[in-house]
Protein backbone atom coordinates (compact mmCIF):
# COMPACT_ATOMS: atom_id res chain seq x y z
CA MET A 1 -0.04 -0.08 -0.02
CA ILE A 2 1.35 3.46 -0.91
CA GLY A 3 -0.99 5.62 0.98
CA GLU A 4 -4.64 6.01 2.35
CA LEU A 5 -7.51 8.00 0.82
CA ARG A 6 -7.80 11.26 2.72
CA THR A 7 -10.47 13.19 0.96
CA VAL A 8 -12.49 13.23 -2.34
CA VAL A 9 -12.45 16.76 -3.77
CA LEU A 10 -15.12 18.38 -6.01
CA ASP A 11 -14.72 21.65 -7.85
CA ALA A 12 -17.31 24.26 -7.45
CA ARG A 13 -17.83 27.86 -8.11
CA ASP A 14 -19.20 28.29 -4.69
CA PRO A 15 -17.68 25.59 -2.40
CA ARG A 16 -19.67 26.75 0.72
CA GLU A 17 -22.90 26.26 -0.96
CA LEU A 18 -22.14 22.82 -2.30
CA GLY A 19 -20.60 21.90 1.09
CA ARG A 20 -23.95 22.90 2.67
CA PHE A 21 -25.91 20.95 0.33
CA TYR A 22 -24.09 17.72 0.89
CA ALA A 23 -24.01 18.25 4.66
CA ALA A 24 -27.93 18.32 4.44
CA VAL A 25 -28.00 15.36 2.22
CA ILE A 26 -25.61 12.91 4.15
CA GLY A 27 -24.94 14.71 7.52
CA GLY A 28 -21.68 15.42 9.07
CA ASP A 29 -19.66 18.39 10.26
CA LEU A 30 -18.81 21.16 7.95
CA ASP A 31 -15.59 23.43 8.13
CA ASP A 32 -16.78 26.26 5.80
CA ALA A 33 -14.50 29.03 7.44
CA ASP A 34 -12.58 29.35 4.05
CA ASP A 35 -14.32 30.50 0.93
CA THR A 36 -12.04 28.54 -1.34
CA TRP A 37 -11.81 25.12 0.59
CA VAL A 38 -14.79 23.53 2.43
CA VAL A 39 -14.55 20.11 4.02
CA LEU A 40 -17.41 17.97 5.01
CA THR A 41 -16.64 15.14 7.41
CA ASP A 42 -19.50 12.65 7.43
CA PRO A 43 -20.70 10.50 10.56
CA GLN A 44 -18.49 7.74 9.56
CA GLY A 45 -15.31 10.05 9.32
CA ARG A 46 -15.03 10.03 5.62
CA ARG A 47 -14.10 13.50 4.03
CA ILE A 48 -15.49 15.32 0.97
CA ALA A 49 -14.00 18.63 0.15
CA PHE A 50 -15.21 21.23 -2.16
CA GLN A 51 -12.63 23.62 -3.78
CA HIS A 52 -12.97 26.90 -5.39
CA SER A 53 -12.80 26.79 -9.10
CA PRO A 54 -14.28 29.80 -10.89
CA GLU A 55 -14.08 28.28 -14.32
CA HIS A 56 -16.01 24.93 -13.24
CA GLU A 57 -18.10 23.56 -15.74
CA PRO A 58 -20.60 20.81 -14.76
CA PRO A 59 -20.22 17.66 -16.41
CA GLN A 60 -22.93 16.51 -19.03
CA PHE A 61 -25.04 13.70 -18.22
CA PRO A 62 -25.68 11.66 -20.15
CA ASP A 63 -22.61 12.59 -21.93
CA PRO A 64 -22.30 11.31 -25.54
CA LYS A 65 -18.68 10.80 -24.91
CA GLY A 66 -19.42 8.30 -22.14
CA SER A 67 -17.78 10.27 -19.07
CA GLN A 68 -19.47 11.57 -16.15
CA GLN A 69 -16.19 12.10 -14.41
CA LEU A 70 -17.41 11.31 -10.84
CA HIS A 71 -20.71 10.84 -8.88
CA PHE A 72 -21.87 9.70 -5.53
CA ASP A 73 -24.33 6.81 -4.89
CA ILE A 74 -26.28 7.77 -1.74
CA LEU A 75 -28.29 5.00 -0.09
CA VAL A 76 -31.74 5.99 0.91
CA GLU A 77 -34.67 4.08 2.56
CA ASP A 78 -37.54 5.96 1.13
CA PRO A 79 -36.96 7.34 -2.48
CA GLU A 80 -39.90 9.44 -2.64
CA ALA A 81 -39.10 11.47 0.52
CA ALA A 82 -35.39 11.66 -0.36
CA GLU A 83 -36.17 13.00 -3.79
CA ARG A 84 -38.45 15.80 -2.34
CA GLU A 85 -35.70 16.60 0.30
CA VAL A 86 -32.89 16.99 -2.33
CA LEU A 87 -34.98 18.85 -4.76
CA ALA A 88 -35.89 21.32 -1.81
CA LEU A 89 -32.21 21.66 -1.19
CA GLY A 90 -31.26 22.73 -4.80
CA ALA A 91 -30.71 19.57 -6.73
CA THR A 92 -32.34 18.85 -10.03
CA ARG A 93 -33.45 15.59 -11.36
CA VAL A 94 -31.93 14.24 -14.65
CA THR A 95 -34.66 13.23 -17.00
CA GLY A 96 -34.43 10.64 -19.75
CA VAL A 97 -32.61 8.20 -17.54
CA PRO A 98 -34.36 4.82 -17.18
CA GLU A 99 -35.33 4.46 -13.54
CA THR A 100 -34.54 1.07 -11.94
CA ASP A 101 -33.15 1.06 -8.36
CA PHE A 102 -31.70 4.50 -8.54
CA ARG A 103 -32.60 7.99 -9.48
CA VAL A 104 -30.02 10.56 -11.02
CA PHE A 105 -29.82 14.13 -9.89
CA ARG A 106 -27.50 17.19 -10.29
CA ASP A 107 -26.27 18.85 -7.24
CA PRO A 108 -26.20 22.85 -7.12
CA ALA A 109 -22.87 22.88 -9.00
CA GLY A 110 -23.97 20.39 -11.58
CA HIS A 111 -22.20 17.21 -10.39
CA THR A 112 -24.28 14.16 -10.81
CA PHE A 113 -25.33 11.85 -7.88
CA CYS A 114 -27.89 9.03 -7.36
CA LEU A 115 -30.25 8.16 -4.87
CA VAL A 116 -30.17 4.36 -4.52
CA PHE A 117 -32.80 2.46 -2.98
CA ASN A 118 -32.33 -1.22 -3.70
CA THR A 119 -29.10 -2.76 -2.64
CA THR A 120 -29.69 -6.22 -4.24
CA GLY A 121 -28.16 -5.24 -7.54
């Protein structure tokens, strides 16, 4: 082993806004004292950071080239309630994606994430 994963980092034009969004979705402690680097530590101790990137362009999804760069799968028990809550927080639903055991959304910065509600697959 060379090292340990410390943090997953997402670019955003407004890292504080994106950090607050994910804190509301998955919980945890948010260190947003800096406008350019915000860190969310989830209840299990995993870290997601959001760094200021004034030129950030959200990935296309679905992308005809096939790359969505990175996305989070967020396990939920009640997909209907979870969908209402993430939409109220500023997420948008990605349309045209066949719904199986997940639903695809964009966070306020345009990164895709999925609400997953069936773990048998």
